[in-house]
Each structure stands twice: as structure tokens, then as C-alpha cells.
Amino acid sequence: MLHLSFYTTSGCHLCDHVEEFLIILGQHPQLHSQFCWSAVEISVSDDLIEQYGVRIPVIATEEGDEIGWPFEMEQLGEWIYNHLTEHSSRS
């Protein structure tokens, strides 16, 4: 399973939009049950604010590959699918 971190903060309307993308993509037949994600609240850490404050929403793999706004749901789906393919080839 591919584990993703979703860097976000409360009150970020773009982050809300991307969260919807993640929920929809999680139900897609090719991606269903193939990945999971957890939200990382950047406001709890000065380091996270410095790193992501002007870039959120950002989604990252455990290996550190990132996709940051702007992107469309199709682009995010392709990005996730490509990482799933890489992830499964390593397992």
C-alpha cells in the first residue's frame, strides 16, 4: 500500500478541494484500497510552516516525492498511479 502525507492547514480552501480529490480518487476502481493518506497540519510546527506555508496543499510519498498545487484531479490520479506502479515493483 502506498502511504501519502497531505500537508494542509485549517481554513485553506484549496486544501479542502484537494481533500475531495483524494476521497474521490480513493474510490476509483484502479486506485481503490491501493493507497492511504494522512493529513499533516502544518500549523503545529514552525519547520512545517516554513517548508509548506506558501506551497500547500502538498502531497508527499514516504520517499519524499511531492506534488504541490496547482494540479487537477486527473494529474493527481496519474501521479498516485505512477507511484503505485513504482511502489509495487519495489515490493
PDB file of N, CA and C in Angstrom:
ATOM      1  N   MET A   1       0.844  -1.177   0.000  1.00  0.00           N
ATOM      2  CA  MET A   1       0.000   0.000   0.000  1.00  0.00           C
ATOM      3  C   MET A   1       0.891   1.242   0.000  1.00  0.00           C
ATOM      4  N   LEU A   2       0.493   2.221  -0.762  1.00  0.00           N
ATOM      5  CA  LEU A   2       1.207   3.483  -0.848  1.00  0.00           C
ATOM      6  C   LEU A   2       0.676   4.421   0.234  1.00  0.00           C
ATOM      7  N   HIS A   3       1.572   4.953   1.051  1.00  0.00           N
ATOM      8  CA  HIS A   3       1.193   5.876   2.119  1.00  0.00           C
ATOM      9  C   HIS A   3       1.579   7.295   1.716  1.00  0.00           C
ATOM     10  N   LEU A   4       0.612   8.197   1.782  1.00  0.00           N
ATOM     11  CA  LEU A   4       0.832   9.587   1.396  1.00  0.00           C
ATOM     12  C   LEU A   4       0.594  10.509   2.578  1.00  0.00           C
ATOM     13  N   SER A   5       1.349  11.598   2.612  1.00  0.00           N
ATOM     14  CA  SER A   5       1.125  12.666   3.588  1.00  0.00           C
ATOM     15  C   SER A   5       0.518  13.845   2.846  1.00  0.00           C
ATOM     16  N   PHE A   6      -0.529  14.391   3.414  1.00  0.00           N
ATOM     17  CA  PHE A   6      -1.249  15.521   2.826  1.00  0.00           C
ATOM     18  C   PHE A   6      -1.010  16.727   3.723  1.00  0.00           C
ATOM     19  N   TYR A   7      -0.120  17.623   3.287  1.00  0.00           N
ATOM     20  CA  TYR A   7       0.222  18.812   4.069  1.00  0.00           C
ATOM     21  C   TYR A   7      -0.853  19.862   3.854  1.00  0.00           C
ATOM     22  N   THR A   8      -1.441  20.309   4.966  1.00  0.00           N
ATOM     23  CA  THR A   8      -2.624  21.153   4.931  1.00  0.00           C
ATOM     24  C   THR A   8      -2.670  22.037   6.172  1.00  0.00           C
ATOM     25  N   THR A   9      -3.654  22.900   6.209  1.00  0.00           N
ATOM     26  CA  THR A   9      -3.947  23.660   7.419  1.00  0.00           C
ATOM     27  C   THR A   9      -5.425  24.049   7.399  1.00  0.00           C
ATOM     28  N   SER A  10      -5.985  24.297   8.557  1.00  0.00           N
ATOM     29  CA  SER A  10      -7.404  24.644   8.619  1.00  0.00           C
ATOM     30  C   SER A  10      -7.639  25.993   7.949  1.00  0.00           C
ATOM     31  N   GLY A  11      -8.789  26.106   7.326  1.00  0.00           N
ATOM     32  CA  GLY A  11      -9.152  27.343   6.654  1.00  0.00           C
ATOM     33  C   GLY A  11      -8.576  27.486   5.254  1.00  0.00           C
ATOM     34  N   CYS A  12      -7.891  26.485   4.770  1.00  0.00           N
ATOM     35  CA  CYS A  12      -7.297  26.512   3.428  1.00  0.00           C
ATOM     36  C   CYS A  12      -8.305  25.915   2.442  1.00  0.00           C
ATOM     37  N   HIS A  13      -8.947  26.777   1.652  1.00  0.00           N
ATOM     38  CA  HIS A  13      -9.976  26.279   0.736  1.00  0.00           C
ATOM     39  C   HIS A  13      -9.385  25.395  -0.356  1.00  0.00           C
ATOM     40  N   LEU A  14      -8.149  25.652  -0.777  1.00  0.00           N
ATOM     41  CA  LEU A  14      -7.503  24.779  -1.761  1.00  0.00           C
ATOM     42  C   LEU A  14      -7.257  23.392  -1.163  1.00  0.00           C
ATOM     43  N   CYS A  15      -6.892  23.370   0.110  1.00  0.00           N
ATOM     44  CA  CYS A  15      -6.676  22.091   0.795  1.00  0.00           C
ATOM     45  C   CYS A  15      -7.976  21.298   0.874  1.00  0.00           C
ATOM     46  N   ASP A  16      -9.081  21.975   1.152  1.00  0.00           N
ATOM     47  CA  ASP A  16     -10.385  21.305   1.175  1.00  0.00           C
ATOM     48  C   ASP A  16     -10.686  20.690  -0.184  1.00  0.00           C
ATOM     49  N   HIS A  17     -10.356  21.414  -1.240  1.00  0.00           N
ATOM     50  CA  HIS A  17     -10.568  20.958  -2.608  1.00  0.00           C
ATOM     51  C   HIS A  17      -9.747  19.691  -2.878  1.00  0.00           C
ATOM     52  N   VAL A  18      -8.476  19.700  -2.478  1.00  0.00           N
ATOM     53  CA  VAL A  18      -7.600  18.555  -2.706  1.00  0.00           C
ATOM     54  C   VAL A  18      -8.015  17.361  -1.845  1.00  0.00           C
ATOM     55  N   GLU A  19      -8.513  17.617  -0.660  1.00  0.00           N
ATOM     56  CA  GLU A  19      -9.021  16.516   0.168  1.00  0.00           C
ATOM     57  C   GLU A  19     -10.164  15.810  -0.553  1.00  0.00           C
ATOM     58  N   GLU A  20     -11.027  16.569  -1.218  1.00  0.00           N
ATOM     59  CA  GLU A  20     -12.100  15.963  -2.016  1.00  0.00           C
ATOM     60  C   GLU A  20     -11.513  15.111  -3.141  1.00  0.00           C
ATOM     61  N   PHE A  21     -10.456  15.615  -3.789  1.00  0.00           N
ATOM     62  CA  PHE A  21      -9.777  14.843  -4.827  1.00  0.00           C
ATOM     63  C   PHE A  21      -9.327  13.495  -4.265  1.00  0.00           C
ATOM     64  N   LEU A  22      -8.682  13.519  -3.101  1.00  0.00           N
ATOM     65  CA  LEU A  22      -8.158  12.292  -2.502  1.00  0.00           C
ATOM     66  C   LEU A  22      -9.278  11.309  -2.180  1.00  0.00           C
ATOM     67  N   ILE A  23     -10.374  11.810  -1.678  1.00  0.00           N
ATOM     68  CA  ILE A  23     -11.517  10.944  -1.348  1.00  0.00           C
ATOM     69  C   ILE A  23     -12.069  10.304  -2.618  1.00  0.00           C
ATOM     70  N   ILE A  24     -12.257  11.102  -3.655  1.00  0.00           N
ATOM     71  CA  ILE A  24     -12.787  10.586  -4.925  1.00  0.00           C
ATOM     72  C   ILE A  24     -11.820   9.580  -5.539  1.00  0.00           C
ATOM     73  N   LEU A  25     -10.533   9.918  -5.575  1.00  0.00           N
ATOM     74  CA  LEU A  25      -9.544   9.005  -6.152  1.00  0.00           C
ATOM     75  C   LEU A  25      -9.441   7.711  -5.356  1.00  0.00           C
ATOM     76  N   GLY A  26      -9.650   7.773  -4.064  1.00  0.00           N
ATOM     77  CA  GLY A  26      -9.621   6.570  -3.242  1.00  0.00           C
ATOM     78  C   GLY A  26     -10.730   5.598  -3.569  1.00  0.00           C
ATOM     79  N   GLN A  27     -11.772   6.085  -4.257  1.00  0.00           N
ATOM     80  CA  GLN A  27     -12.887   5.236  -4.658  1.00  0.00           C
ATOM     81  C   GLN A  27     -12.783   4.784  -6.111  1.00  0.00           C
ATOM     82  N   HIS A  28     -11.770   5.288  -6.822  1.00  0.00           N
ATOM     83  CA  HIS A  28     -11.584   4.926  -8.229  1.00  0.00           C
ATOM     84  C   HIS A  28     -11.208   3.448  -8.326  1.00  0.00           C
ATOM     85  N   PRO A  29     -11.797   2.707  -9.282  1.00  0.00           N
ATOM     86  CA  PRO A  29     -11.537   1.262  -9.373  1.00  0.00           C
ATOM     87  C   PRO A  29     -10.051   0.888  -9.468  1.00  0.00           C
ATOM     88  N   GLN A  30      -9.243   1.672 -10.179  1.00  0.00           N
ATOM     89  CA  GLN A  30      -7.818   1.346 -10.314  1.00  0.00           C
ATOM     90  C   GLN A  30      -7.017   1.686  -9.063  1.00  0.00           C
ATOM     91  N   LEU A  31      -7.526   2.585  -8.242  1.00  0.00           N
ATOM     92  CA  LEU A  31      -6.769   3.051  -7.084  1.00  0.00           C
ATOM     93  C   LEU A  31      -7.347   2.580  -5.757  1.00  0.00           C
ATOM     94  N   HIS A  32      -8.586   2.104  -5.772  1.00  0.00           N
ATOM     95  CA  HIS A  32      -9.286   1.717  -4.548  1.00  0.00           C
ATOM     96  C   HIS A  32      -8.447   0.752  -3.710  1.00  0.00           C
ATOM     97  N   SER A  33      -8.277   1.093  -2.456  1.00  0.00           N
ATOM     98  CA  SER A  33      -7.537   0.289  -1.475  1.00  0.00           C
ATOM     99  C   SER A  33      -6.060   0.112  -1.820  1.00  0.00           C
ATOM    100  N   GLN A  34      -5.552   0.937  -2.727  1.00  0.00           N
ATOM    101  CA  GLN A  34      -4.151   0.835  -3.115  1.00  0.00           C
ATOM    102  C   GLN A  34      -3.283   1.887  -2.424  1.00  0.00           C
ATOM    103  N   PHE A  35      -3.940   2.928  -1.892  1.00  0.00           N
ATOM    104  CA  PHE A  35      -3.189   3.977  -1.211  1.00  0.00           C
ATOM    105  C   PHE A  35      -3.996   4.489  -0.035  1.00  0.00           C
ATOM    106  N   CYS A  36      -3.284   5.071   0.917  1.00  0.00           N
ATOM    107  CA  CYS A  36      -3.934   5.734   2.037  1.00  0.00           C
ATOM    108  C   CYS A  36      -3.206   7.052   2.264  1.00  0.00           C
ATOM    109  N   TRP A  37      -3.848   7.949   2.950  1.00  0.00           N
ATOM    110  CA  TRP A  37      -3.234   9.250   3.203  1.00  0.00           C
ATOM    111  C   TRP A  37      -3.597   9.733   4.590  1.00  0.00           C
ATOM    112  N   SER A  38      -2.719  10.547   5.102  1.00  0.00           N
ATOM    113  CA  SER A  38      -2.997  11.171   6.392  1.00  0.00           C
ATOM    114  C   SER A  38      -2.691  12.654   6.259  1.00  0.00           C
ATOM    115  N   ALA A  39      -3.545  13.442   6.888  1.00  0.00           N
ATOM    116  CA  ALA A  39      -3.366  14.895   6.873  1.00  0.00           C
ATOM    117  C   ALA A  39      -2.288  15.275   7.882  1.00  0.00           C
ATOM    118  N   VAL A  40      -1.430  16.186   7.470  1.00  0.00           N
ATOM    119  CA  VAL A  40      -0.390  16.727   8.349  1.00  0.00           C
ATOM    120  C   VAL A  40      -0.673  18.217   8.502  1.00  0.00           C
ATOM    121  N   GLU A  41      -1.062  18.614   9.689  1.00  0.00           N
ATOM    122  CA  GLU A  41      -1.381  20.015   9.991  1.00  0.00           C
ATOM    123  C   GLU A  41      -0.073  20.789  10.142  1.00  0.00           C
ATOM    124  N   ILE A  42       0.186  21.686   9.211  1.00  0.00           N
ATOM    125  CA  ILE A  42       1.477  22.381   9.230  1.00  0.00           C
ATOM    126  C   ILE A  42       1.576  23.430  10.328  1.00  0.00           C
ATOM    127  N   SER A  43       0.442  23.908  10.852  1.00  0.00           N
ATOM    128  CA  SER A  43       0.487  24.985  11.845  1.00  0.00           C
ATOM    129  C   SER A  43       1.072  24.559  13.187  1.00  0.00           C
ATOM    130  N   VAL A  44       1.282  23.264  13.376  1.00  0.00           N
ATOM    131  CA  VAL A  44       1.822  22.777  14.650  1.00  0.00           C
ATOM    132  C   VAL A  44       3.342  22.845  14.712  1.00  0.00           C
ATOM    133  N   SER A  45       3.975  23.226  13.607  1.00  0.00           N
ATOM    134  CA  SER A  45       5.427  23.216  13.557  1.00  0.00           C
ATOM    135  C   SER A  45       5.952  24.396  12.737  1.00  0.00           C
ATOM    136  N   ASP A  46       6.859  25.153  13.335  1.00  0.00           N
ATOM    137  CA  ASP A  46       7.484  26.256  12.597  1.00  0.00           C
ATOM    138  C   ASP A  46       8.220  25.734  11.368  1.00  0.00           C
ATOM    139  N   ASP A  47       8.850  24.567  11.487  1.00  0.00           N
ATOM    140  CA  ASP A  47       9.559  23.986  10.342  1.00  0.00           C
ATOM    141  C   ASP A  47       8.598  23.654   9.205  1.00  0.00           C
ATOM    142  N   LEU A  48       7.446  23.070   9.547  1.00  0.00           N
ATOM    143  CA  LEU A  48       6.456  22.743   8.516  1.00  0.00           C
ATOM    144  C   LEU A  48       5.880  24.005   7.888  1.00  0.00           C
ATOM    145  N   ILE A  49       5.652  25.031   8.704  1.00  0.00           N
ATOM    146  CA  ILE A  49       5.153  26.300   8.160  1.00  0.00           C
ATOM    147  C   ILE A  49       6.172  26.877   7.185  1.00  0.00           C
ATOM    148  N   GLU A  50       7.440  26.851   7.578  1.00  0.00           N
ATOM    149  CA  GLU A  50       8.489  27.381   6.703  1.00  0.00           C
ATOM    150  C   GLU A  50       8.575  26.585   5.403  1.00  0.00           C
ATOM    151  N   GLN A  51       8.478  25.267   5.508  1.00  0.00           N
ATOM    152  CA  GLN A  51       8.634  24.408   4.344  1.00  0.00           C
ATOM    153  C   GLN A  51       7.415  24.428   3.425  1.00  0.00           C
ATOM    154  N   TYR A  52       6.194  24.469   4.008  1.00  0.00           N
ATOM    155  CA  TYR A  52       4.980  24.291   3.212  1.00  0.00           C
ATOM    156  C   TYR A  52       4.012  25.469   3.236  1.00  0.00           C
ATOM    157  N   GLY A  53       4.281  26.481   4.048  1.00  0.00           N
ATOM    158  CA  GLY A  53       3.319  27.552   4.264  1.00  0.00           C
ATOM    159  C   GLY A  53       2.783  28.224   3.020  1.00  0.00           C
ATOM    160  N   VAL A  54       3.627  28.452   2.025  1.00  0.00           N
ATOM    161  CA  VAL A  54       3.161  29.106   0.803  1.00  0.00           C
ATOM    162  C   VAL A  54       2.942  28.111  -0.331  1.00  0.00           C
ATOM    163  N   ARG A  55       3.135  26.815  -0.044  1.00  0.00           N
ATOM    164  CA  ARG A  55       3.037  25.800  -1.093  1.00  0.00           C
ATOM    165  C   ARG A  55       1.822  24.898  -0.961  1.00  0.00           C
ATOM    166  N   ILE A  56       1.158  24.902   0.196  1.00  0.00           N
ATOM    167  CA  ILE A  56       0.059  23.964   0.398  1.00  0.00           C
ATOM    168  C   ILE A  56      -1.087  24.259  -0.559  1.00  0.00           C
ATOM    169  N   PRO A  57      -1.824  23.227  -0.893  1.00  0.00           N
ATOM    170  CA  PRO A  57      -1.721  21.832  -0.482  1.00  0.00           C
ATOM    171  C   PRO A  57      -0.593  21.098  -1.210  1.00  0.00           C
ATOM    172  N   VAL A  58       0.066  20.229  -0.458  1.00  0.00           N
ATOM    173  CA  VAL A  58       1.153  19.394  -0.981  1.00  0.00           C
ATOM    174  C   VAL A  58       0.898  17.957  -0.525  1.00  0.00           C
ATOM    175  N   ILE A  59       1.130  17.023  -1.437  1.00  0.00           N
ATOM    176  CA  ILE A  59       1.023  15.600  -1.109  1.00  0.00           C
ATOM    177  C   ILE A  59       2.393  14.987  -1.343  1.00  0.00           C
ATOM    178  N   ALA A  60       2.829  14.161  -0.406  1.00  0.00           N
ATOM    179  CA  ALA A  60       4.172  13.575  -0.490  1.00  0.00           C
ATOM    180  C   ALA A  60       4.128  12.079  -0.221  1.00  0.00           C
ATOM    181  N   THR A  61       5.052  11.372  -0.877  1.00  0.00           N
ATOM    182  CA  THR A  61       5.240   9.948  -0.610  1.00  0.00           C
ATOM    183  C   THR A  61       6.192   9.799   0.564  1.00  0.00           C
ATOM    184  N   GLU A  62       6.301   8.600   1.073  1.00  0.00           N
ATOM    185  CA  GLU A  62       7.255   8.325   2.158  1.00  0.00           C
ATOM    186  C   GLU A  62       8.691   8.541   1.696  1.00  0.00           C
ATOM    187  N   GLU A  63       8.920   8.411   0.399  1.00  0.00           N
ATOM    188  CA  GLU A  63      10.261   8.605  -0.153  1.00  0.00           C
ATOM    189  C   GLU A  63      10.592  10.081  -0.355  1.00  0.00           C
ATOM    190  N   GLY A  64       9.600  10.958  -0.185  1.00  0.00           N
ATOM    191  CA  GLY A  64       9.845  12.385  -0.297  1.00  0.00           C
ATOM    192  C   GLY A  64       9.470  13.017  -1.617  1.00  0.00           C
ATOM    193  N   ASP A  65       8.925  12.235  -2.549  1.00  0.00           N
ATOM    194  CA  ASP A  65       8.431  12.819  -3.796  1.00  0.00           C
ATOM    195  C   ASP A  65       7.170  13.613  -3.477  1.00  0.00           C
ATOM    196  N   GLU A  66       7.032  14.788  -4.089  1.00  0.00           N
ATOM    197  CA  GLU A  66       5.908  15.668  -3.770  1.00  0.00           C
ATOM    198  C   GLU A  66       5.202  16.151  -5.029  1.00  0.00           C
ATOM    199  N   ILE A  67       3.924  16.413  -4.862  1.00  0.00           N
ATOM    200  CA  ILE A  67       3.147  17.142  -5.851  1.00  0.00           C
ATOM    201  C   ILE A  67       2.485  18.283  -5.097  1.00  0.00           C
ATOM    202  N   GLY A  68       2.677  19.486  -5.600  1.00  0.00           N
ATOM    203  CA  GLY A  68       2.125  20.664  -4.938  1.00  0.00           C
ATOM    204  C   GLY A  68       1.193  21.423  -5.861  1.00  0.00           C
ATOM    205  N   TRP A  69       0.318  22.154  -5.266  1.00  0.00           N
ATOM    206  CA  TRP A  69      -0.646  22.951  -6.000  1.00  0.00           C
ATOM    207  C   TRP A  69       0.085  23.912  -6.919  1.00  0.00           C
ATOM    208  N   PRO A  70      -0.383  24.139  -8.136  1.00  0.00           N
ATOM    209  CA  PRO A  70      -1.673  23.729  -8.695  1.00  0.00           C
ATOM    210  C   PRO A  70      -1.598  22.401  -9.449  1.00  0.00           C
ATOM    211  N   PHE A  71      -2.663  21.624  -9.322  1.00  0.00           N
ATOM    212  CA  PHE A  71      -2.827  20.404 -10.104  1.00  0.00           C
ATOM    213  C   PHE A  71      -4.313  20.079 -10.165  1.00  0.00           C
ATOM    214  N   GLU A  72      -4.688  19.365 -11.207  1.00  0.00           N
ATOM    215  CA  GLU A  72      -6.070  18.904 -11.379  1.00  0.00           C
ATOM    216  C   GLU A  72      -6.177  17.487 -10.809  1.00  0.00           C
ATOM    217  N   MET A  73      -7.406  17.041 -10.600  1.00  0.00           N
ATOM    218  CA  MET A  73      -7.614  15.708 -10.041  1.00  0.00           C
ATOM    219  C   MET A  73      -6.996  14.645 -10.950  1.00  0.00           C
ATOM    220  N   GLU A  74      -7.093  14.815 -12.262  1.00  0.00           N
ATOM    221  CA  GLU A  74      -6.523  13.840 -13.195  1.00  0.00           C
ATOM    222  C   GLU A  74      -5.006  13.764 -13.026  1.00  0.00           C
ATOM    223  N   GLN A  75      -4.364  14.913 -12.861  1.00  0.00           N
ATOM    224  CA  GLN A  75      -2.914  14.920 -12.650  1.00  0.00           C
ATOM    225  C   GLN A  75      -2.547  14.210 -11.353  1.00  0.00           C
ATOM    226  N   LEU A  76      -3.308  14.469 -10.301  1.00  0.00           N
ATOM    227  CA  LEU A  76      -3.055  13.811  -9.024  1.00  0.00           C
ATOM    228  C   LEU A  76      -3.259  12.307  -9.154  1.00  0.00           C
ATOM    229  N   GLY A  77      -4.309  11.894  -9.852  1.00  0.00           N
ATOM    230  CA  GLY A  77      -4.555  10.467 -10.064  1.00  0.00           C
ATOM    231  C   GLY A  77      -3.416   9.794 -10.806  1.00  0.00           C
ATOM    232  N   GLU A  78      -2.900  10.447 -11.842  1.00  0.00           N
ATOM    233  CA  GLU A  78      -1.764   9.902 -12.583  1.00  0.00           C
ATOM    234  C   GLU A  78      -0.519   9.829 -11.701  1.00  0.00           C
ATOM    235  N   TRP A  79      -0.306  10.865 -10.904  1.00  0.00           N
ATOM    236  CA  TRP A  79       0.849  10.900 -10.004  1.00  0.00           C
ATOM    237  C   TRP A  79       0.781   9.741  -9.009  1.00  0.00           C
ATOM    238  N   ILE A  80      -0.405   9.538  -8.425  1.00  0.00           N
ATOM    239  CA  ILE A  80      -0.589   8.437  -7.473  1.00  0.00           C
ATOM    240  C   ILE A  80      -0.396   7.100  -8.187  1.00  0.00           C
ATOM    241  N   TYR A  81      -1.011   6.945  -9.348  1.00  0.00           N
ATOM    242  CA  TYR A  81      -0.906   5.684 -10.096  1.00  0.00           C
ATOM    243  C   TYR A  81       0.555   5.370 -10.419  1.00  0.00           C
ATOM    244  N   ASN A  82       1.302   6.370 -10.875  1.00  0.00           N
ATOM    245  CA  ASN A  82       2.722   6.163 -11.185  1.00  0.00           C
ATOM    246  C   ASN A  82       3.506   5.731  -9.949  1.00  0.00           C
ATOM    247  N   HIS A  83       3.194   6.322  -8.805  1.00  0.00           N
ATOM    248  CA  HIS A  83       3.887   5.931  -7.573  1.00  0.00           C
ATOM    249  C   HIS A  83       3.449   4.543  -7.098  1.00  0.00           C
ATOM    250  N   LEU A  84       2.210   4.191  -7.350  1.00  0.00           N
ATOM    251  CA  LEU A  84       1.766   2.829  -7.017  1.00  0.00           C
ATOM    252  C   LEU A  84       2.525   1.805  -7.847  1.00  0.00           C
ATOM    253  N   THR A  85       2.725   2.113  -9.119  1.00  0.00           N
ATOM    254  CA  THR A  85       3.452   1.218 -10.003  1.00  0.00           C
ATOM    255  C   THR A  85       4.895   1.067  -9.523  1.00  0.00           C
ATOM    256  N   GLU A  86       5.532   2.177  -9.179  1.00  0.00           N
ATOM    257  CA  GLU A  86       6.899   2.138  -8.656  1.00  0.00           C
ATOM    258  C   GLU A  86       6.944   1.379  -7.332  1.00  0.00           C
ATOM    259  N   HIS A  87       5.959   1.652  -6.467  1.00  0.00           N
ATOM    260  CA  HIS A  87       5.911   1.044  -5.142  1.00  0.00           C
ATOM    261  C   HIS A  87       5.762  -0.473  -5.256  1.00  0.00           C
ATOM    262  N   SER A  88       4.884  -0.933  -6.144  1.00  0.00           N
ATOM    263  CA  SER A  88       4.659  -2.374  -6.275  1.00  0.00           C
ATOM    264  C   SER A  88       5.856  -3.080  -6.901  1.00  0.00           C
ATOM    265  N   SER A  89       6.607  -2.386  -7.752  1.00  0.00           N
ATOM    266  CA  SER A  89       7.787  -3.011  -8.360  1.00  0.00           C
ATOM    267  C   SER A  89       8.919  -3.187  -7.350  1.00  0.00           C
ATOM    268  N   ARG A  90       8.912  -2.356  -6.279  1.00  0.00           N
ATOM    269  CA  ARG A  90       9.929  -2.477  -5.238  1.00  0.00           C
ATOM    270  C   ARG A  90       9.592  -3.534  -4.209  1.00  0.00           C
ATOM    271  N   SER A  91       8.309  -3.867  -4.102  1.00  0.00           N
ATOM    272  CA  SER A  91       7.868  -4.827  -3.063  1.00  0.00           C
ATOM    273  C   SER A  91       8.130  -6.262  -3.455  1.00  0.00           C
TER     274      SER A  91
END
